[in-house]
Amino acid sequence: MLEQLLPRWKGKTFVLCLLGFALTDFVITITLSAADATAHILENPYVPKAFDHPVGITLLLLSILGVIFVKGFREAVWIALLFVSTYLVLNGIVLMVGLYEVYLHQESILNWRNALLAGHSSPWMMFGVSLILFPRLALGLSGFETGVAVMPMVRGDFGDTSADPVGRIRNTQKLLLAAALIMSVFLIGSSFITTLLIPAEAFAEGREANGRALAYLAHKYLGDKFGTLYDLSSISILWFAGASAMAGLLNLVPRYLPPYGMAPEWAKARRPLVIVFVLITFAVTLLFQADVDAQGGAYATGVLFLMSSAAVAVTMANWRTPLGRIYLLMTLVFVYTTIANMVERPEGIKIASFFIAAIVVTSLLSRIIRATELRIHTVELSESAQKMIEEMHNEGVRIIAHRPDKRTLEEYDEKERQAREDHSLDSGEPIVFLEVSQGDASDFSDSLIVKGMNVGRHRVLRCKSPAIPNAIAALLLHIRDTTG
């Protein structure tokens, strides 16, 4: 949307910046989830201390994820379906048991209420503190941005077109609504039972509930066997949470960078990209030493910036509609949350800036290196243009490049006189003028549509292209190939 709302290089530069934040979000999603899965493995009471090598285990999990995607995306989807279904069922059991324990120990609700009133003098004070702490909930939004990123994989209606994919949009809305309902119920329910049933000191860094509150409850109330089953499910879902992020990357990068000329053509292929992304996740894991908390800031920054930019795009597109003011309010909430998160966790914007700089620099280098490519997908001649070429076929097709000024008959007469004089052409030898208008120079490649027209007795071919020399070369090659 922003690419369409912002013209030429402005739109493409903004897209590159957003790709930097998207890369931050999705790469950190993969590495953080794998590191979190590793933490669950090492916290399990049945795992020997000899396996206490978080970086090595995380790299192994990332390698397996990459192998699955190299094998095929369909296999990844079926594995994800199995893991998610199992995880939701086990979480539902823990949630129901937790609510039952709260019912049996209703004094925990009273203690929680007293603690709230003791720490805050009034409900307004609670609201103010909630407003300040609200940005910390940003990580709970993760998943929605990947849901949109995998939209091209959502099945649409039979009559859908690329310009108007009504069925795909409707089904994606169902996907996001289902995700919102599931996440809301489980997030609110799990927050409630963990707050009431787990002592505050157990959440401290290095303690048994830190980063694994539901697993702590599963072991405590359902025993170590069920707890281990829950750990295995958590490990699987955390490890494979990177699958949606990987799918998002495989959709975003081929869609933008190669068409912009800012990545080689092989970047459109899935398997080479998977290998590149896995190597990037290796580097990030080694940089952060598989530390979950250290990656949280960059993760939240990527998620929030993507959502804020999407909110801005929707607001700009609908500003003159009745919903424009509502979208503006939502945008302000996202922008506030993003800024507050960056102030609290400045390392996030630093990491995102590195990814943005890397994308911009490599994109510009790729664009420079690929500048001499033909950059024209197809050449399409109008009926009149095709007729001109066919009429000149037997006598030879002589193309004269012309930069038009006023496009008057006198101008073409003078250009013809100069061309015949410079190239020693007889008056009986037919020529055709070729005029290429400068299109959007920020576009890398396009189809060349050539129209034929007559200005007095002069034949003229006209077209529009982001690169004039490339357009001339492409048309000449097309004429050579079609006329022999």
Protein backbone atom coordinates (compact mmCIF):
# COMPACT_ATOMS: atom_id res chain seq x y z
CA MET A 1 0.00 0.00 0.00
CA LEU A 2 2.78 2.44 0.88
CA GLU A 3 4.57 1.60 -2.36
CA GLN A 4 1.47 2.72 -4.26
CA LEU A 5 0.82 5.78 -2.09
CA LEU A 6 4.42 7.05 -2.28
CA PRO A 7 5.74 7.57 -5.83
CA ARG A 8 9.02 6.51 -7.41
CA TRP A 9 12.13 6.30 -5.21
CA LYS A 10 10.26 7.51 -2.11
CA GLY A 11 8.04 4.45 -2.13
CA LYS A 12 10.85 2.03 -2.91
CA THR A 13 13.13 3.51 -0.24
CA PHE A 14 10.32 3.20 2.31
CA VAL A 15 9.75 -0.40 1.22
CA LEU A 16 13.46 -1.16 1.71
CA CYS A 17 13.32 0.29 5.23
CA LEU A 18 10.22 -1.76 6.02
CA LEU A 19 11.95 -4.85 4.64
CA GLY A 20 14.75 -4.11 7.11
CA PHE A 21 12.26 -4.10 9.99
CA ALA A 22 10.53 -7.18 8.54
CA LEU A 23 13.87 -8.97 8.32
CA THR A 24 14.56 -7.97 11.93
CA ASP A 25 11.16 -9.23 13.03
CA PHE A 26 11.19 -12.51 11.13
CA VAL A 27 14.86 -13.41 11.71
CA ILE A 28 14.60 -12.64 15.43
CA THR A 29 11.33 -14.60 15.53
CA ILE A 30 13.24 -17.62 14.24
CA THR A 31 16.28 -17.22 16.50
CA LEU A 32 14.40 -16.18 19.64
CA SER A 33 11.88 -19.01 19.30
CA ALA A 34 14.66 -21.56 18.79
CA ALA A 35 16.57 -20.14 21.78
CA ASP A 36 13.39 -20.30 23.89
CA ALA A 37 12.89 -23.92 22.83
CA THR A 38 16.46 -24.62 23.91
CA ALA A 39 15.75 -23.03 27.31
CA HIS A 40 12.77 -25.38 27.76
CA ILE A 41 14.95 -28.36 26.87
CA LEU A 42 17.62 -27.44 29.41
CA GLU A 43 15.07 -26.65 32.17
CA ASN A 44 13.46 -30.08 31.97
CA PRO A 45 14.38 -32.24 35.01
CA TYR A 46 15.01 -35.32 32.82
CA VAL A 47 17.64 -33.64 30.60
CA PRO A 48 21.25 -34.44 31.68
CA LYS A 49 23.50 -31.52 32.58
CA ALA A 50 25.91 -32.68 29.87
CA PHE A 51 23.53 -31.13 27.30
CA ASP A 52 23.93 -27.65 28.81
CA HIS A 53 25.15 -26.04 25.56
CA PRO A 54 22.41 -23.58 24.54
CA VAL A 55 24.16 -22.17 21.46
CA GLY A 56 24.90 -25.61 20.00
CA ILE A 57 21.36 -26.91 20.58
CA THR A 58 19.85 -23.72 19.09
CA LEU A 59 22.01 -24.03 15.97
CA LEU A 60 20.91 -27.66 15.62
CA LEU A 61 17.22 -26.66 15.83
CA LEU A 62 17.74 -23.94 13.21
CA SER A 63 19.49 -26.42 10.91
CA ILE A 64 16.59 -28.89 11.13
CA LEU A 65 14.11 -26.08 10.37
CA GLY A 66 16.13 -25.14 7.30
CA VAL A 67 16.28 -28.74 6.08
CA ILE A 68 12.47 -29.02 6.31
CA PHE A 69 12.00 -25.87 4.21
CA VAL A 70 14.57 -27.01 1.67
CA LYS A 71 12.60 -30.25 1.33
CA GLY A 72 9.31 -28.44 0.68
CA PHE A 73 6.77 -26.01 2.09
CA ARG A 74 3.88 -28.48 2.09
CA GLU A 75 5.75 -30.71 4.55
CA ALA A 76 6.35 -27.70 6.80
CA VAL A 77 2.62 -26.87 6.84
CA TRP A 78 1.62 -30.39 7.91
CA ILE A 79 4.24 -30.46 10.67
CA ALA A 80 3.04 -27.05 11.89
CA LEU A 81 -0.58 -28.29 11.95
CA LEU A 82 0.40 -31.26 14.14
CA PHE A 83 2.47 -29.17 16.55
CA VAL A 84 -0.08 -26.36 16.90
CA SER A 85 -3.02 -28.71 17.51
CA THR A 86 -1.13 -30.62 20.20
CA TYR A 87 0.11 -27.43 21.85
CA LEU A 88 -3.37 -25.86 22.03
CA VAL A 89 -4.89 -29.01 23.55
CA LEU A 90 -2.18 -29.24 26.24
CA ASN A 91 -2.46 -25.53 26.99
CA GLY A 92 -6.21 -25.91 27.31
CA ILE A 93 -5.68 -28.67 29.90
CA VAL A 94 -3.19 -26.57 31.90
CA LEU A 95 -5.53 -23.57 31.72
CA MET A 96 -8.54 -25.56 32.98
CA VAL A 97 -6.50 -27.12 35.80
CA GLY A 98 -5.17 -23.69 36.73
CA LEU A 99 -8.67 -22.19 36.86
CA TYR A 100 -9.80 -25.13 39.01
CA GLU A 101 -6.89 -24.50 41.42
CA VAL A 102 -7.88 -20.83 41.62
CA TYR A 103 -11.45 -21.95 42.43
CA LEU A 104 -10.12 -24.22 45.20
CA HIS A 105 -7.92 -21.44 46.60
CA GLN A 106 -10.10 -18.37 46.24
CA GLU A 107 -7.99 -16.54 48.79
CA SER A 108 -5.44 -16.05 45.98
CA ILE A 109 -7.90 -13.67 44.28
CA LEU A 110 -8.28 -11.69 47.50
CA ASN A 111 -4.51 -11.57 47.96
CA TRP A 112 -4.09 -10.34 44.39
CA ARG A 113 -6.71 -7.64 44.89
CA ASN A 114 -5.11 -6.49 48.14
CA ALA A 115 -1.69 -6.36 46.47
CA LEU A 116 -3.09 -4.18 43.69
CA LEU A 117 -4.72 -1.76 46.14
CA ALA A 118 -1.62 -1.65 48.32
CA GLY A 119 0.63 -0.81 45.40
CA HIS A 120 -1.67 1.77 43.79
CA SER A 121 -3.72 4.39 45.58
CA SER A 122 -6.62 4.50 43.10
CA PRO A 123 -7.99 2.87 39.94
CA TRP A 124 -6.73 5.91 37.99
CA MET A 125 -3.22 5.18 39.23
CA MET A 126 -3.61 1.58 38.03
CA PHE A 127 -4.73 2.88 34.63
CA GLY A 128 -1.73 5.21 34.43
CA VAL A 129 0.71 2.43 35.27
CA SER A 130 -1.03 0.16 32.74
CA LEU A 131 -0.60 2.84 30.08
CA ILE A 132 3.13 2.99 30.80
CA LEU A 133 3.49 -0.80 30.84
CA PHE A 134 1.22 -1.33 27.82
CA PRO A 135 4.11 -1.39 25.28
CA ARG A 136 5.53 -4.45 27.03
CA LEU A 137 2.58 -6.41 25.67
CA ALA A 138 3.94 -5.89 22.16
CA LEU A 139 5.41 -9.39 22.03
CA GLY A 140 1.88 -10.73 22.42
CA LEU A 141 1.07 -9.21 19.02
CA SER A 142 3.60 -11.42 17.29
CA GLY A 143 1.98 -13.70 14.80
CA PHE A 144 -0.38 -11.22 13.21
CA GLU A 145 2.33 -9.75 10.98
CA THR A 146 3.38 -13.21 9.82
CA GLY A 147 -0.29 -14.03 9.21
CA VAL A 148 -0.45 -11.15 6.74
CA ALA A 149 2.95 -12.01 5.25
CA VAL A 150 1.76 -15.50 4.29
CA MET A 151 -1.40 -14.09 2.69
CA PRO A 152 -0.26 -15.16 -0.83
CA MET A 153 -0.50 -18.77 0.37
CA VAL A 154 -4.12 -18.45 1.53
CA ARG A 155 -6.61 -20.11 -0.79
CA GLY A 156 -8.99 -17.70 -2.54
CA ASP A 157 -12.09 -18.02 -4.70
CA PHE A 158 -12.04 -19.44 -8.22
CA GLY A 159 -12.67 -16.01 -9.73
CA ASP A 160 -9.93 -14.19 -7.80
CA THR A 161 -7.47 -12.05 -9.77
CA SER A 162 -4.16 -10.52 -8.72
CA ALA A 163 -5.78 -7.08 -8.89
CA ASP A 164 -8.88 -8.08 -6.91
CA PRO A 165 -8.31 -11.19 -4.72
CA VAL A 166 -11.64 -10.92 -2.89
CA GLY A 167 -11.74 -14.54 -1.71
CA ARG A 168 -8.16 -14.52 -0.49
CA ILE A 169 -8.73 -11.30 1.47
CA ARG A 170 -11.89 -12.73 3.05
CA ASN A 171 -10.15 -15.97 4.04
CA THR A 172 -7.15 -14.07 5.42
CA GLN A 173 -9.53 -12.03 7.57
CA LYS A 174 -10.93 -15.31 8.92
CA LEU A 175 -7.38 -16.50 9.60
CA LEU A 176 -6.48 -13.33 11.52
CA LEU A 177 -9.79 -13.33 13.43
CA ALA A 178 -9.28 -16.95 14.49
CA ALA A 179 -5.70 -16.15 15.56
CA ALA A 180 -6.89 -13.10 17.53
CA LEU A 181 -9.59 -15.06 19.37
CA ILE A 182 -7.31 -18.01 20.19
CA MET A 183 -4.44 -15.78 21.30
CA SER A 184 -6.70 -13.50 23.37
CA VAL A 185 -8.34 -16.35 25.26
CA PHE A 186 -5.08 -18.15 26.00
CA LEU A 187 -3.08 -15.00 26.80
CA ILE A 188 -5.68 -13.58 29.20
CA GLY A 189 -6.38 -16.96 30.79
CA SER A 190 -2.73 -17.89 31.23
CA SER A 191 -1.85 -14.43 32.59
CA PHE A 192 -4.65 -14.78 35.15
CA ILE A 193 -3.70 -18.21 36.49
CA THR A 194 0.07 -17.62 36.48
CA THR A 195 -0.35 -14.34 38.37
CA LEU A 196 -2.54 -15.96 41.03
CA LEU A 197 -0.83 -19.34 41.39
CA ILE A 198 2.90 -18.59 41.03
CA PRO A 199 4.81 -16.69 43.76
CA ALA A 200 6.39 -13.45 42.52
CA GLU A 201 9.88 -14.59 43.49
CA ALA A 202 9.58 -17.62 41.16
CA PHE A 203 9.54 -15.23 38.17
CA ALA A 204 12.94 -13.77 39.06
CA GLU A 205 15.78 -14.30 36.61
CA GLY A 206 17.22 -17.78 36.91
CA ARG A 207 14.26 -19.09 38.95
CA GLU A 208 12.07 -22.01 37.95
CA ALA A 209 9.14 -20.00 36.48
CA ASN A 210 11.18 -17.43 34.57
CA GLY A 211 10.25 -17.69 30.90
CA ARG A 212 8.25 -20.92 31.43
CA ALA A 213 5.34 -20.06 33.72
CA LEU A 214 2.82 -22.48 32.19
CA ALA A 215 5.40 -25.27 32.13
CA TYR A 216 5.99 -24.57 35.83
CA LEU A 217 2.25 -25.03 36.53
CA ALA A 218 2.12 -28.16 34.36
CA HIS A 219 4.90 -29.80 36.38
CA LYS A 220 3.49 -28.59 39.71
CA TYR A 221 -0.16 -29.61 39.32
CA LEU A 222 -0.06 -32.41 36.72
CA GLY A 223 3.25 -34.12 37.54
CA ASP A 224 6.60 -34.39 35.80
CA LYS A 225 5.37 -36.84 33.15
CA PHE A 226 2.65 -34.51 31.90
CA GLY A 227 5.02 -31.60 32.48
CA THR A 228 7.61 -33.27 30.25
CA LEU A 229 4.95 -33.85 27.59
CA TYR A 230 4.07 -30.16 27.86
CA ASP A 231 7.77 -29.27 27.62
CA LEU A 232 8.11 -31.36 24.45
CA SER A 233 5.07 -29.64 22.96
CA SER A 234 6.41 -26.21 23.95
CA ILE A 235 9.81 -27.05 22.50
CA SER A 236 8.19 -28.19 19.24
CA ILE A 237 5.94 -25.14 18.88
CA LEU A 238 8.67 -22.69 19.83
CA TRP A 239 11.15 -24.29 17.47
CA PHE A 240 8.60 -24.38 14.65
CA ALA A 241 7.29 -20.89 15.37
CA GLY A 242 10.10 -19.85 13.07
CA ALA A 243 8.29 -21.64 10.23
CA SER A 244 5.75 -18.83 9.78
CA ALA A 245 8.56 -16.27 9.90
CA MET A 246 10.55 -18.23 7.31
CA ALA A 247 7.45 -18.42 5.11
CA GLY A 248 7.03 -14.66 5.48
CA LEU A 249 10.63 -14.05 4.40
CA LEU A 250 10.24 -16.38 1.42
CA ASN A 251 7.18 -14.37 0.34
CA LEU A 252 8.55 -10.86 0.92
CA VAL A 253 12.08 -10.94 -0.48
CA PRO A 254 11.32 -12.46 -3.94
CA ARG A 255 8.35 -10.12 -4.31
CA TYR A 256 10.32 -6.90 -3.92
CA LEU A 257 14.11 -7.13 -4.19
CA PRO A 258 14.60 -8.96 -7.55
CA PRO A 259 11.92 -6.86 -9.36
CA TYR A 260 13.64 -3.74 -8.00
CA GLY A 261 16.94 -5.01 -9.41
CA MET A 262 18.23 -5.09 -5.85
CA ALA A 263 18.92 -8.81 -5.64
CA PRO A 264 20.06 -11.42 -8.17
CA GLU A 265 17.41 -13.38 -10.04
CA TRP A 266 18.24 -16.54 -8.06
CA ALA A 267 16.70 -14.77 -5.04
CA LYS A 268 13.32 -15.70 -6.54
CA ALA A 269 14.09 -19.38 -5.90
CA ARG A 270 13.08 -20.83 -2.53
CA ARG A 271 15.94 -23.19 -1.69
CA PRO A 272 18.87 -20.75 -2.10
CA LEU A 273 16.97 -18.17 -0.04
CA VAL A 274 16.34 -20.71 2.74
CA ILE A 275 20.08 -21.39 2.96
CA VAL A 276 20.86 -17.65 3.08
CA PHE A 277 18.31 -17.04 5.84
CA VAL A 278 19.51 -20.02 7.89
CA LEU A 279 23.07 -18.67 7.72
CA ILE A 280 21.80 -15.27 8.90
CA THR A 281 20.02 -16.92 11.85
CA PHE A 282 23.27 -18.72 12.71
CA ALA A 283 25.08 -15.37 12.85
CA VAL A 284 22.36 -13.78 15.03
CA THR A 285 22.34 -16.77 17.41
CA LEU A 286 26.11 -16.60 17.82
CA LEU A 287 25.91 -12.83 18.34
CA PHE A 288 23.33 -13.12 21.13
CA GLN A 289 24.65 -16.44 22.46
CA ALA A 290 21.09 -17.86 22.26
CA ASP A 291 19.93 -15.45 25.00
CA VAL A 292 16.12 -15.08 24.86
CA ASP A 293 15.89 -11.84 26.86
CA ALA A 294 18.64 -10.14 24.85
CA GLN A 295 16.69 -10.66 21.62
CA GLY A 296 13.35 -9.45 22.98
CA GLY A 297 13.95 -5.75 22.26
CA ALA A 298 14.78 -6.26 18.59
CA TYR A 299 11.84 -8.63 18.24
CA ALA A 300 9.30 -6.16 19.65
CA THR A 301 10.75 -3.29 17.60
CA GLY A 302 10.35 -5.21 14.35
CA VAL A 303 6.79 -6.29 15.15
CA LEU A 304 5.65 -2.83 16.22
CA PHE A 305 7.26 -0.94 13.35
CA LEU A 306 5.63 -3.22 10.80
CA MET A 307 2.23 -2.80 12.44
CA SER A 308 2.67 0.97 12.80
CA SER A 309 3.61 1.35 9.14
CA ALA A 310 0.62 -0.78 8.12
CA ALA A 311 -1.63 1.41 10.28
CA VAL A 312 -0.19 4.54 8.63
CA ALA A 313 -0.81 3.08 5.17
CA VAL A 314 -4.42 2.18 5.98
CA THR A 315 -5.02 5.63 7.49
CA MET A 316 -3.60 7.39 4.42
CA ALA A 317 -5.67 5.25 2.06
CA ASN A 318 -8.91 5.80 4.02
CA TRP A 319 -8.38 9.33 5.33
CA ARG A 320 -11.37 10.79 3.48
CA THR A 321 -13.73 7.99 4.49
CA PRO A 322 -15.88 7.91 7.67
CA LEU A 323 -13.45 5.40 9.23
CA GLY A 324 -10.42 7.65 8.67
CA ARG A 325 -10.49 9.15 12.20
CA ILE A 326 -10.81 5.71 13.81
CA TYR A 327 -7.81 4.46 11.82
CA LEU A 328 -5.88 7.56 12.91
CA LEU A 329 -6.59 6.76 16.57
CA MET A 330 -5.35 3.19 16.09
CA THR A 331 -2.26 4.51 14.32
CA LEU A 332 -1.47 6.85 17.22
CA VAL A 333 -1.72 3.91 19.65
CA PHE A 334 0.71 1.86 17.57
CA VAL A 335 3.10 4.80 17.11
CA TYR A 336 3.06 5.53 20.86
CA THR A 337 3.71 1.87 21.64
CA THR A 338 6.56 1.73 19.12
CA ILE A 339 8.26 4.86 20.47
CA ALA A 340 7.84 3.75 24.09
CA ASN A 341 9.32 0.36 23.26
CA MET A 342 12.31 1.91 21.48
CA VAL A 343 12.95 4.23 24.44
CA GLU A 344 12.83 1.33 26.90
CA ARG A 345 14.71 -1.15 24.67
CA PRO A 346 17.00 0.96 22.42
CA GLU A 347 18.98 -2.09 21.32
CA GLY A 348 16.00 -3.05 19.15
CA ILE A 349 16.26 -0.02 16.85
CA LYS A 350 20.05 -0.47 16.70
CA ILE A 351 19.70 -4.03 15.43
CA ALA A 352 16.91 -3.02 13.04
CA SER A 353 19.10 -0.17 11.73
CA PHE A 354 21.86 -2.67 11.00
CA PHE A 355 19.48 -4.84 8.98
CA ILE A 356 18.11 -1.78 7.15
CA ALA A 357 21.62 -0.56 6.31
CA ALA A 358 22.61 -4.04 5.13
CA ILE A 359 19.54 -4.29 2.86
CA VAL A 360 19.96 -0.77 1.42
CA VAL A 361 23.71 -1.16 0.74
CA THR A 362 23.45 -4.63 -0.81
CA SER A 363 20.38 -3.55 -2.79
CA LEU A 364 22.14 -0.52 -4.27
CA LEU A 365 25.23 -2.60 -5.10
CA SER A 366 23.04 -5.20 -6.81
CA ARG A 367 21.24 -2.47 -8.75
CA ILE A 368 24.57 -1.04 -9.95
CA ILE A 369 25.92 -4.47 -10.93
CA ARG A 370 22.72 -5.37 -12.82
CA ALA A 371 22.40 -1.98 -14.57
CA THR A 372 23.70 -3.42 -17.86
CA GLU A 373 21.09 -6.19 -18.01
CA LEU A 374 18.42 -5.92 -20.71
CA ARG A 375 15.72 -5.39 -18.05
CA ILE A 376 12.81 -5.83 -20.47
CA HIS A 377 10.58 -8.86 -19.86
CA THR A 378 8.58 -8.77 -23.07
CA VAL A 379 8.13 -6.52 -26.10
CA GLU A 380 4.57 -5.98 -27.31
CA LEU A 381 3.91 -4.23 -30.64
CA SER A 382 0.57 -2.60 -31.34
CA GLU A 383 -1.18 -3.51 -34.59
CA SER A 384 0.01 -0.32 -36.29
CA ALA A 385 3.61 -0.82 -35.08
CA GLN A 386 3.63 -4.41 -36.29
CA LYS A 387 2.32 -3.29 -39.68
CA MET A 388 5.14 -0.73 -40.01
CA ILE A 389 7.79 -3.35 -39.33
CA GLU A 390 6.24 -5.79 -41.79
CA GLU A 391 6.04 -3.13 -44.54
CA MET A 392 9.76 -2.36 -44.13
CA HIS A 393 10.82 -5.99 -43.80
CA ASN A 394 11.83 -6.62 -47.41
CA GLU A 395 13.75 -3.36 -47.80
CA GLY A 396 15.43 -3.49 -44.39
CA VAL A 397 14.28 -2.01 -41.09
CA ARG A 398 16.18 1.21 -40.35
CA ILE A 399 15.54 2.57 -36.86
CA ILE A 400 16.49 6.17 -36.06
CA ALA A 401 16.45 7.06 -32.35
CA HIS A 402 14.78 10.43 -31.87
CA ARG A 403 14.42 12.63 -28.83
CA PRO A 404 11.27 14.63 -29.63
CA ASP A 405 10.83 18.30 -28.84
CA LYS A 406 7.63 19.84 -30.23
CA ARG A 407 6.83 16.84 -32.45
CA THR A 408 5.98 19.06 -35.40
CA LEU A 409 6.21 17.94 -39.02
CA GLU A 410 9.14 20.33 -39.58
CA GLU A 411 11.04 18.74 -36.68
CA TYR A 412 10.70 15.26 -38.21
CA ASP A 413 11.68 16.58 -41.66
CA GLU A 414 14.87 18.09 -40.23
CA LYS A 415 15.67 14.92 -38.24
CA GLU A 416 15.24 12.79 -41.36
CA ARG A 417 17.50 15.09 -43.40
CA GLN A 418 20.24 14.87 -40.74
CA ALA A 419 19.91 11.08 -40.42
CA ARG A 420 20.14 10.48 -44.17
CA GLU A 421 23.13 12.79 -44.40
CA ASP A 422 24.95 11.24 -41.41
CA HIS A 423 24.32 7.62 -42.42
CA SER A 424 24.47 8.02 -46.23
CA LEU A 425 20.91 6.83 -46.76
CA ASP A 426 19.20 7.35 -50.10
CA SER A 427 15.86 9.13 -50.17
CA GLY A 428 14.17 5.93 -51.30
CA GLU A 429 15.35 3.87 -48.32
CA PRO A 430 12.56 3.81 -45.68
CA ILE A 431 13.30 4.73 -42.07
CA VAL A 432 11.26 4.73 -38.87
CA PHE A 433 11.78 6.98 -35.88
CA LEU A 434 11.91 5.44 -32.41
CA GLU A 435 10.95 7.65 -29.47
CA VAL A 436 11.38 6.29 -25.94
CA SER A 437 9.90 8.39 -23.13
CA GLN A 438 11.47 8.23 -19.69
CA GLY A 439 9.28 6.23 -17.30
CA ASP A 440 9.75 5.68 -13.59
CA ALA A 441 13.54 5.41 -13.30
CA SER A 442 13.17 3.66 -9.95
CA ASP A 443 11.61 0.65 -11.71
CA PHE A 444 14.18 -1.93 -12.70
CA SER A 445 12.37 -3.95 -15.34
CA ASP A 446 9.12 -3.78 -17.22
CA SER A 447 7.29 -4.88 -20.34
CA LEU A 448 7.84 -2.67 -23.39
CA ILE A 449 4.63 -1.65 -25.17
CA VAL A 450 5.37 -0.08 -28.56
CA LYS A 451 2.79 1.93 -30.49
CA GLY A 452 3.05 2.95 -34.13
CA MET A 453 1.79 6.23 -35.59
CA ASN A 454 2.32 8.51 -38.56
CA VAL A 455 3.33 12.17 -38.44
CA GLY A 456 2.73 13.32 -41.97
CA ARG A 457 4.72 10.92 -44.15
CA HIS A 458 6.99 9.86 -41.27
CA ARG A 459 6.67 6.55 -39.46
CA VAL A 460 7.13 6.80 -35.66
CA LEU A 461 7.36 4.10 -32.98
CA ARG A 462 6.71 5.32 -29.44
CA CYS A 463 7.14 3.58 -26.09
CA LYS A 464 7.88 4.28 -22.44
CA SER A 465 10.57 2.66 -20.30
CA PRO A 466 12.50 3.22 -17.05
CA ALA A 467 15.78 2.75 -18.97
CA ILE A 468 15.92 4.27 -22.48
CA PRO A 469 19.09 2.47 -23.77
CA ASN A 470 17.76 -0.88 -22.58
CA ALA A 471 14.42 -0.25 -24.31
CA ILE A 472 16.13 0.55 -27.62
CA ALA A 473 18.26 -2.60 -27.37
CA ALA A 474 15.26 -4.77 -26.46
CA LEU A 475 13.19 -3.51 -29.39
CA LEU A 476 16.03 -4.00 -31.87
CA LEU A 477 16.58 -7.56 -30.66
CA HIS A 478 12.84 -8.23 -30.89
CA ILE A 479 12.71 -6.93 -34.48
CA ARG A 480 15.76 -9.04 -35.37
CA ASP A 481 14.21 -12.18 -33.89
CA THR A 482 10.78 -11.68 -35.48
CA THR A 483 11.89 -10.57 -38.94
CA GLY A 484 14.95 -12.77 -39.28
